[in-house]
Amino acid sequence: MNIGFWMCAVLVPCFGIMALVFGIGKEKTAILISGFNTLSKEEQSRYDRGHMARDMRNTCLVWTIVMLLGAVGAWLISGYSAIIAYAVWIVLLFKEVHLDARKAFSKYLLP
């Protein structure tokens, strides 16, 4: 087995556990989302925490699958599969990153 396999395989359980935490904890785990915990309690109450937790769970599951495919590809095909998996993961990660917390959570505002 090569280093690419291990680089991806290490992240599979990490992302899987994060998905499990967001899945089990539901709206209570919204506080774990970066940027949301910096908002005031009054502001936090204006957002749909359940929807936020579901989206974060789904995001972590997608990351888990990407890294799992990268690990399997690195094991069976080539170590370059790990590089591809990391490239895909970085694109997905930066799609989720926002500099302004209010803008990042605007789709979760309650009516």
N, C-alpha and C. Protein backbone atom coordinates (compact mmCIF):
# COMPACT_ATOMS: atom_id res chain seq x y z
N MET A 1 0.85 -1.18 0.00
CA MET A 1 0.00 0.00 0.00
C MET A 1 0.89 1.24 0.00
N ASN A 2 0.38 2.28 -0.58
CA ASN A 2 1.18 3.49 -0.74
C ASN A 2 0.70 4.60 0.18
N ILE A 3 1.46 5.67 0.19
CA ILE A 3 1.15 6.81 1.05
C ILE A 3 -0.18 7.45 0.67
N GLY A 4 -0.54 7.45 -0.61
CA GLY A 4 -1.81 8.02 -1.05
C GLY A 4 -2.99 7.32 -0.42
N PHE A 5 -2.88 6.01 -0.30
CA PHE A 5 -3.94 5.25 0.37
C PHE A 5 -4.13 5.73 1.79
N TRP A 6 -3.03 5.84 2.53
CA TRP A 6 -3.13 6.24 3.94
C TRP A 6 -3.57 7.68 4.10
N MET A 7 -3.17 8.55 3.18
CA MET A 7 -3.58 9.96 3.27
C MET A 7 -5.09 10.09 3.15
N CYS A 8 -5.71 9.28 2.33
CA CYS A 8 -7.17 9.31 2.18
C CYS A 8 -7.85 8.48 3.27
N ALA A 9 -7.29 7.32 3.58
CA ALA A 9 -7.93 6.41 4.53
C ALA A 9 -8.02 7.00 5.93
N VAL A 10 -7.09 7.86 6.30
CA VAL A 10 -7.12 8.48 7.63
C VAL A 10 -8.31 9.43 7.76
N LEU A 11 -8.67 10.10 6.68
CA LEU A 11 -9.76 11.07 6.74
C LEU A 11 -11.15 10.45 6.65
N VAL A 12 -11.25 9.24 6.14
CA VAL A 12 -12.56 8.58 6.01
C VAL A 12 -13.25 8.46 7.36
N PRO A 13 -12.63 7.91 8.40
CA PRO A 13 -13.33 7.83 9.69
C PRO A 13 -13.55 9.20 10.33
N CYS A 14 -12.63 10.14 10.10
CA CYS A 14 -12.81 11.48 10.66
C CYS A 14 -14.07 12.14 10.12
N PHE A 15 -14.22 12.14 8.80
CA PHE A 15 -15.40 12.74 8.19
C PHE A 15 -16.65 11.92 8.51
N GLY A 16 -16.50 10.61 8.58
CA GLY A 16 -17.64 9.75 8.91
C GLY A 16 -18.16 10.02 10.32
N ILE A 17 -17.25 10.20 11.26
CA ILE A 17 -17.65 10.50 12.64
C ILE A 17 -18.32 11.87 12.71
N MET A 18 -17.78 12.84 11.97
CA MET A 18 -18.41 14.16 11.94
C MET A 18 -19.83 14.08 11.39
N ALA A 19 -20.02 13.30 10.33
CA ALA A 19 -21.36 13.12 9.75
C ALA A 19 -22.28 12.46 10.77
N LEU A 20 -21.77 11.49 11.50
CA LEU A 20 -22.55 10.81 12.52
C LEU A 20 -22.96 11.76 13.65
N VAL A 21 -22.04 12.60 14.06
CA VAL A 21 -22.32 13.58 15.11
C VAL A 21 -23.43 14.53 14.67
N PHE A 22 -23.33 15.05 13.46
CA PHE A 22 -24.36 15.97 12.96
C PHE A 22 -25.67 15.24 12.72
N GLY A 23 -25.62 13.98 12.35
CA GLY A 23 -26.84 13.21 12.13
C GLY A 23 -27.57 12.88 13.42
N ILE A 24 -26.83 12.52 14.44
CA ILE A 24 -27.45 12.15 15.72
C ILE A 24 -27.85 13.38 16.52
N GLY A 25 -26.98 14.38 16.55
CA GLY A 25 -27.22 15.56 17.38
C GLY A 25 -28.25 16.52 16.83
N LYS A 26 -28.53 16.43 15.55
CA LYS A 26 -29.50 17.29 14.87
C LYS A 26 -29.26 18.76 15.18
N GLU A 27 -30.30 19.52 15.52
CA GLU A 27 -30.15 20.97 15.65
C GLU A 27 -29.22 21.40 16.78
N LYS A 28 -28.98 20.53 17.74
CA LYS A 28 -28.06 20.88 18.83
C LYS A 28 -26.64 21.06 18.32
N THR A 29 -26.30 20.37 17.23
CA THR A 29 -24.93 20.42 16.72
C THR A 29 -24.66 21.61 15.81
N ALA A 30 -25.66 22.42 15.55
CA ALA A 30 -25.45 23.59 14.69
C ALA A 30 -24.40 24.52 15.30
N ILE A 31 -24.27 24.50 16.60
CA ILE A 31 -23.29 25.36 17.27
C ILE A 31 -21.86 24.97 16.90
N LEU A 32 -21.67 23.74 16.41
CA LEU A 32 -20.34 23.28 16.00
C LEU A 32 -19.91 23.81 14.64
N ILE A 33 -20.84 24.39 13.90
CA ILE A 33 -20.54 24.91 12.56
C ILE A 33 -19.77 26.22 12.71
N SER A 34 -18.66 26.28 12.02
CA SER A 34 -17.79 27.44 12.11
C SER A 34 -18.53 28.72 11.69
N GLY A 35 -18.40 29.73 12.50
CA GLY A 35 -19.03 31.01 12.23
C GLY A 35 -20.38 31.16 12.90
N PHE A 36 -21.12 30.08 13.04
CA PHE A 36 -22.44 30.16 13.66
C PHE A 36 -22.32 30.44 15.15
N ASN A 37 -21.29 29.89 15.76
CA ASN A 37 -21.12 30.11 17.20
C ASN A 37 -20.66 31.52 17.53
N THR A 38 -20.25 32.30 16.54
CA THR A 38 -19.84 33.68 16.79
C THR A 38 -21.03 34.64 16.77
N LEU A 39 -22.17 34.18 16.28
CA LEU A 39 -23.37 35.02 16.27
C LEU A 39 -23.96 35.07 17.68
N SER A 40 -24.67 36.15 17.97
CA SER A 40 -25.32 36.26 19.28
C SER A 40 -26.46 35.25 19.38
N LYS A 41 -26.86 34.93 20.60
CA LYS A 41 -27.95 33.96 20.83
C LYS A 41 -29.23 34.43 20.13
N GLU A 42 -29.48 35.73 20.16
CA GLU A 42 -30.67 36.28 19.51
C GLU A 42 -30.61 36.06 18.00
N GLU A 43 -29.43 36.29 17.43
CA GLU A 43 -29.26 36.09 16.00
C GLU A 43 -29.34 34.61 15.62
N GLN A 44 -28.77 33.74 16.46
CA GLN A 44 -28.81 32.31 16.20
C GLN A 44 -30.24 31.78 16.16
N SER A 45 -31.11 32.38 16.94
CA SER A 45 -32.49 31.90 16.99
C SER A 45 -33.26 32.20 15.70
N ARG A 46 -32.71 33.03 14.83
CA ARG A 46 -33.37 33.38 13.58
C ARG A 46 -33.08 32.38 12.46
N TYR A 47 -32.26 31.36 12.74
CA TYR A 47 -31.85 30.40 11.71
C TYR A 47 -32.41 29.01 11.98
N ASP A 48 -32.63 28.26 10.92
CA ASP A 48 -33.12 26.89 11.00
C ASP A 48 -31.94 25.96 11.29
N ARG A 49 -31.75 25.64 12.56
CA ARG A 49 -30.61 24.83 12.98
C ARG A 49 -30.69 23.40 12.45
N GLY A 50 -31.89 22.85 12.37
CA GLY A 50 -32.05 21.49 11.86
C GLY A 50 -31.59 21.36 10.42
N HIS A 51 -31.96 22.34 9.61
CA HIS A 51 -31.54 22.35 8.20
C HIS A 51 -30.02 22.50 8.09
N MET A 52 -29.45 23.33 8.94
CA MET A 52 -28.00 23.53 8.94
C MET A 52 -27.28 22.23 9.29
N ALA A 53 -27.78 21.53 10.30
CA ALA A 53 -27.15 20.27 10.72
C ALA A 53 -27.27 19.20 9.63
N ARG A 54 -28.43 19.14 8.97
CA ARG A 54 -28.61 18.17 7.88
C ARG A 54 -27.66 18.46 6.73
N ASP A 55 -27.52 19.73 6.38
CA ASP A 55 -26.60 20.10 5.30
C ASP A 55 -25.15 19.77 5.66
N MET A 56 -24.78 20.01 6.91
CA MET A 56 -23.42 19.70 7.35
C MET A 56 -23.20 18.20 7.37
N ARG A 57 -24.20 17.44 7.79
CA ARG A 57 -24.11 15.97 7.77
C ARG A 57 -23.90 15.48 6.34
N ASN A 58 -24.70 16.01 5.42
CA ASN A 58 -24.59 15.60 4.02
C ASN A 58 -23.24 15.98 3.42
N THR A 59 -22.74 17.15 3.77
CA THR A 59 -21.43 17.58 3.30
C THR A 59 -20.34 16.64 3.79
N CYS A 60 -20.40 16.28 5.07
CA CYS A 60 -19.40 15.36 5.62
C CYS A 60 -19.51 13.98 4.98
N LEU A 61 -20.71 13.54 4.67
CA LEU A 61 -20.88 12.25 3.99
C LEU A 61 -20.27 12.28 2.59
N VAL A 62 -20.45 13.37 1.88
CA VAL A 62 -19.86 13.50 0.54
C VAL A 62 -18.34 13.48 0.66
N TRP A 63 -17.79 14.20 1.65
CA TRP A 63 -16.35 14.19 1.85
C TRP A 63 -15.85 12.79 2.18
N THR A 64 -16.62 12.05 2.98
CA THR A 64 -16.25 10.68 3.32
C THR A 64 -16.18 9.81 2.07
N ILE A 65 -17.18 9.94 1.22
CA ILE A 65 -17.23 9.14 -0.01
C ILE A 65 -16.07 9.50 -0.94
N VAL A 66 -15.77 10.78 -1.07
CA VAL A 66 -14.66 11.21 -1.93
C VAL A 66 -13.35 10.61 -1.44
N MET A 67 -13.10 10.69 -0.13
CA MET A 67 -11.85 10.14 0.41
C MET A 67 -11.83 8.62 0.35
N LEU A 68 -12.97 7.99 0.53
CA LEU A 68 -13.04 6.54 0.41
C LEU A 68 -12.71 6.09 -1.02
N LEU A 69 -13.28 6.78 -1.98
CA LEU A 69 -12.96 6.48 -3.38
C LEU A 69 -11.49 6.72 -3.68
N GLY A 70 -10.93 7.79 -3.10
CA GLY A 70 -9.51 8.07 -3.28
C GLY A 70 -8.64 6.97 -2.68
N ALA A 71 -9.01 6.48 -1.49
CA ALA A 71 -8.24 5.41 -0.85
C ALA A 71 -8.32 4.12 -1.64
N VAL A 72 -9.52 3.77 -2.07
CA VAL A 72 -9.70 2.54 -2.86
C VAL A 72 -8.97 2.66 -4.19
N GLY A 73 -9.06 3.83 -4.81
CA GLY A 73 -8.36 4.04 -6.07
C GLY A 73 -6.85 3.98 -5.89
N ALA A 74 -6.35 4.54 -4.80
CA ALA A 74 -4.91 4.50 -4.55
C ALA A 74 -4.45 3.08 -4.27
N TRP A 75 -5.29 2.30 -3.66
CA TRP A 75 -4.94 0.91 -3.33
C TRP A 75 -4.98 0.03 -4.58
N LEU A 76 -6.02 0.20 -5.39
CA LEU A 76 -6.22 -0.69 -6.52
C LEU A 76 -5.60 -0.21 -7.83
N ILE A 77 -5.57 1.10 -8.02
CA ILE A 77 -5.15 1.63 -9.33
C ILE A 77 -3.78 2.30 -9.23
N SER A 78 -3.77 3.47 -8.59
CA SER A 78 -2.53 4.25 -8.53
C SER A 78 -2.63 5.26 -7.40
N GLY A 79 -1.48 5.66 -6.90
CA GLY A 79 -1.43 6.68 -5.87
C GLY A 79 -1.96 8.02 -6.34
N TYR A 80 -2.01 8.20 -7.65
CA TYR A 80 -2.54 9.45 -8.20
C TYR A 80 -4.03 9.61 -7.92
N SER A 81 -4.70 8.54 -7.63
CA SER A 81 -6.12 8.61 -7.26
C SER A 81 -6.30 9.43 -5.98
N ALA A 82 -5.35 9.33 -5.08
CA ALA A 82 -5.40 10.12 -3.85
C ALA A 82 -5.27 11.61 -4.16
N ILE A 83 -4.42 11.94 -5.11
CA ILE A 83 -4.25 13.35 -5.49
C ILE A 83 -5.54 13.88 -6.09
N ILE A 84 -6.19 13.09 -6.91
CA ILE A 84 -7.46 13.48 -7.51
C ILE A 84 -8.52 13.66 -6.42
N ALA A 85 -8.55 12.73 -5.46
CA ALA A 85 -9.52 12.82 -4.36
C ALA A 85 -9.30 14.10 -3.55
N TYR A 86 -8.04 14.43 -3.26
CA TYR A 86 -7.76 15.65 -2.51
C TYR A 86 -8.14 16.89 -3.32
N ALA A 87 -7.90 16.87 -4.62
CA ALA A 87 -8.28 18.01 -5.46
C ALA A 87 -9.79 18.22 -5.44
N VAL A 88 -10.54 17.13 -5.56
CA VAL A 88 -12.00 17.22 -5.51
C VAL A 88 -12.44 17.72 -4.15
N TRP A 89 -11.83 17.20 -3.08
CA TRP A 89 -12.20 17.61 -1.73
C TRP A 89 -11.93 19.09 -1.51
N ILE A 90 -10.81 19.59 -2.00
CA ILE A 90 -10.47 21.01 -1.83
C ILE A 90 -11.49 21.89 -2.55
N VAL A 91 -11.89 21.48 -3.75
CA VAL A 91 -12.92 22.25 -4.47
C VAL A 91 -14.22 22.26 -3.67
N LEU A 92 -14.63 21.10 -3.16
CA LEU A 92 -15.86 21.02 -2.36
C LEU A 92 -15.73 21.82 -1.07
N LEU A 93 -14.57 21.80 -0.46
CA LEU A 93 -14.35 22.55 0.77
C LEU A 93 -14.48 24.05 0.54
N PHE A 94 -13.83 24.55 -0.51
CA PHE A 94 -13.88 25.99 -0.76
C PHE A 94 -15.25 26.45 -1.24
N LYS A 95 -16.06 25.53 -1.75
CA LYS A 95 -17.44 25.88 -2.06
C LYS A 95 -18.23 26.21 -0.80
N GLU A 96 -17.84 25.61 0.31
CA GLU A 96 -18.54 25.79 1.58
C GLU A 96 -18.00 26.94 2.42
N VAL A 97 -16.83 27.46 2.08
CA VAL A 97 -16.18 28.50 2.89
C VAL A 97 -16.72 29.87 2.50
N HIS A 98 -17.13 30.63 3.52
CA HIS A 98 -17.58 32.01 3.33
C HIS A 98 -16.89 32.89 4.36
N LEU A 99 -16.56 34.10 3.98
CA LEU A 99 -15.89 35.00 4.90
C LEU A 99 -16.86 35.70 5.83
N ASP A 100 -18.09 35.87 5.40
CA ASP A 100 -19.10 36.55 6.21
C ASP A 100 -20.11 35.52 6.71
N ALA A 101 -20.22 35.38 8.03
CA ALA A 101 -21.11 34.37 8.62
C ALA A 101 -22.57 34.62 8.24
N ARG A 102 -22.99 35.88 8.24
CA ARG A 102 -24.39 36.16 7.91
C ARG A 102 -24.71 35.77 6.47
N LYS A 103 -23.77 36.01 5.58
CA LYS A 103 -23.96 35.63 4.18
C LYS A 103 -23.96 34.12 4.03
N ALA A 104 -23.10 33.45 4.79
CA ALA A 104 -23.00 31.99 4.72
C ALA A 104 -24.30 31.31 5.17
N PHE A 105 -24.96 31.89 6.15
CA PHE A 105 -26.15 31.26 6.70
C PHE A 105 -27.44 31.89 6.20
N SER A 106 -27.37 32.75 5.20
CA SER A 106 -28.57 33.44 4.72
C SER A 106 -29.63 32.47 4.19
N LYS A 107 -29.22 31.35 3.64
CA LYS A 107 -30.23 30.40 3.12
C LYS A 107 -30.96 29.65 4.23
N TYR A 108 -30.49 29.78 5.46
CA TYR A 108 -31.12 29.10 6.61
C TYR A 108 -32.01 30.03 7.44
N LEU A 109 -32.17 31.27 7.00
CA LEU A 109 -33.02 32.22 7.75
C LEU A 109 -34.45 31.71 7.82
N LEU A 110 -35.04 31.80 8.99
CA LEU A 110 -36.44 31.42 9.16
C LEU A 110 -37.33 32.55 8.64
N PRO A 111 -38.48 32.20 8.06
CA PRO A 111 -39.37 33.26 7.53
C PRO A 111 -40.00 34.07 8.64
